């Protein structure tokens, strides 16, 4: 065997050869979808004060390469589409544009949660069906872990009282119908604890169109060093001589339950889907998206007051006109811009309705104003049809219902949502950087300080939904 002389030239060639081999091996790992352990090891929250121009410093080639590498790790049921949306000015004029986004199903909380919860009940007759819905979450430990809450629905109702026939089934045992379940995860949704039910006492004599007691549809939010759980529940109120649905605030660590109040204000019969957010270190709620009405609340005293549009007269909430309604909490993307994923309800003649999901953007200074809303967000049809629609007598089309939101970085957000009132999932949305870049630049160019006239946004949402579902005869408003 001939000996190799390790002069300077041969040594350089050898090093270059090793480097080429290393790059080839790395490419093989990436293209086969093998996780190299470099993605999302820690979430680093942004302070919201970075300049938009800094986003443009990323070279286009590196940006596209990052997208293609991470795309293989974003879960199942991936859909890429050009999402249409509008920025509104103070006259209600809108500028429409498209942004490419990718949606995927990153994580499923079922069947693990279902099985865990089932073991907590002594249901020897096996009458209960446990449906984990409404996942909502916040970052903890500086982005290393996630605190998640879900509504657990014991859907005995679906077996015991069919709306069309009113046929009754007598159960051996009956339980409270709704509970709140807690679990903790690492940044990749791997469990860090054994889940547990939170003990939040609520009235059990609530009757609406069906028995529906216990806490429902939770949203969790952190305000400074405090954590609050927002939910609604039904209870009889002597003042009104009837059963009413109200929003409640649960102090997560001090275990105190409070019901918000507003002086000289008559609540509706069902107060649900208030959207919590933090502003200036205080708890706020978007009470209604359009007309935009904002509450500031003191969670210790339960006192709330309107800080945006207290009196609208006939412009208060309208069941048929107001399609766009609360979904996830609003979270800061880049101050003063807050993002949320809302749901819309569009009523079909005869009483059933269509659910859809929309990205919304709100500015909090100098006034609160809703500036952007998207058309219905697309998710994969195979995913939408993967589980049954539990309330198919009133909801004819598959849907996702958003209740939780995490910003992973400037391009990726995770949405906690349930599918068809059946199971809870994490829906990942990629492409947020370009969308928000367009929204912010356009809003700053328009230099608008007030929001659009009431229901301009609602009407556009209604048009988008009706265009997406042309086979249905919707109520005229």
Foldseek 3Di string as FASTA:
>chain_A
DDDDDPDPVVVVVVVVVVVVVVVVVVVVCQVVLNDPPPPQQFFADDPQADDLVVVVVDDPVVVVVVCSSCVSQQAAQKDWDWWWKWFAFAALDTDIDTFIKIKHFQWFPPPVVQVLVVVVDPDVVPLWGWFWFQWAWDADPNGFKIKIKTKIFRVSVLVAQDPVPRHGDDDPDDDQGIWMKIFMATSSRHGPDRIDTDDDDDDQPFDDVHRHADWDNWYWDDQPPWIKIKTWGWDADPVVRHIAIFIWIAGVPVGDIDGADEPPDDDDRHQDQWAWDDDPRFIKTQSAQFVTWIWTADNVVSYIYIPPPPDDDVLPDDPAQRFWGHAEHWDRLRPQKTKDKTKGWFAFPPGATEIFIKIWIWGPPPHTATTMIIAGDDTRPCVQPVDDQSPCVRYVGKYWTWYYWDDRDQFKIWTWTDINSGTITIMMMGRNSVVVSVRVVVCVVVVHHYYYHGSSVSVVRVVSVCVVPVVTHTDDD
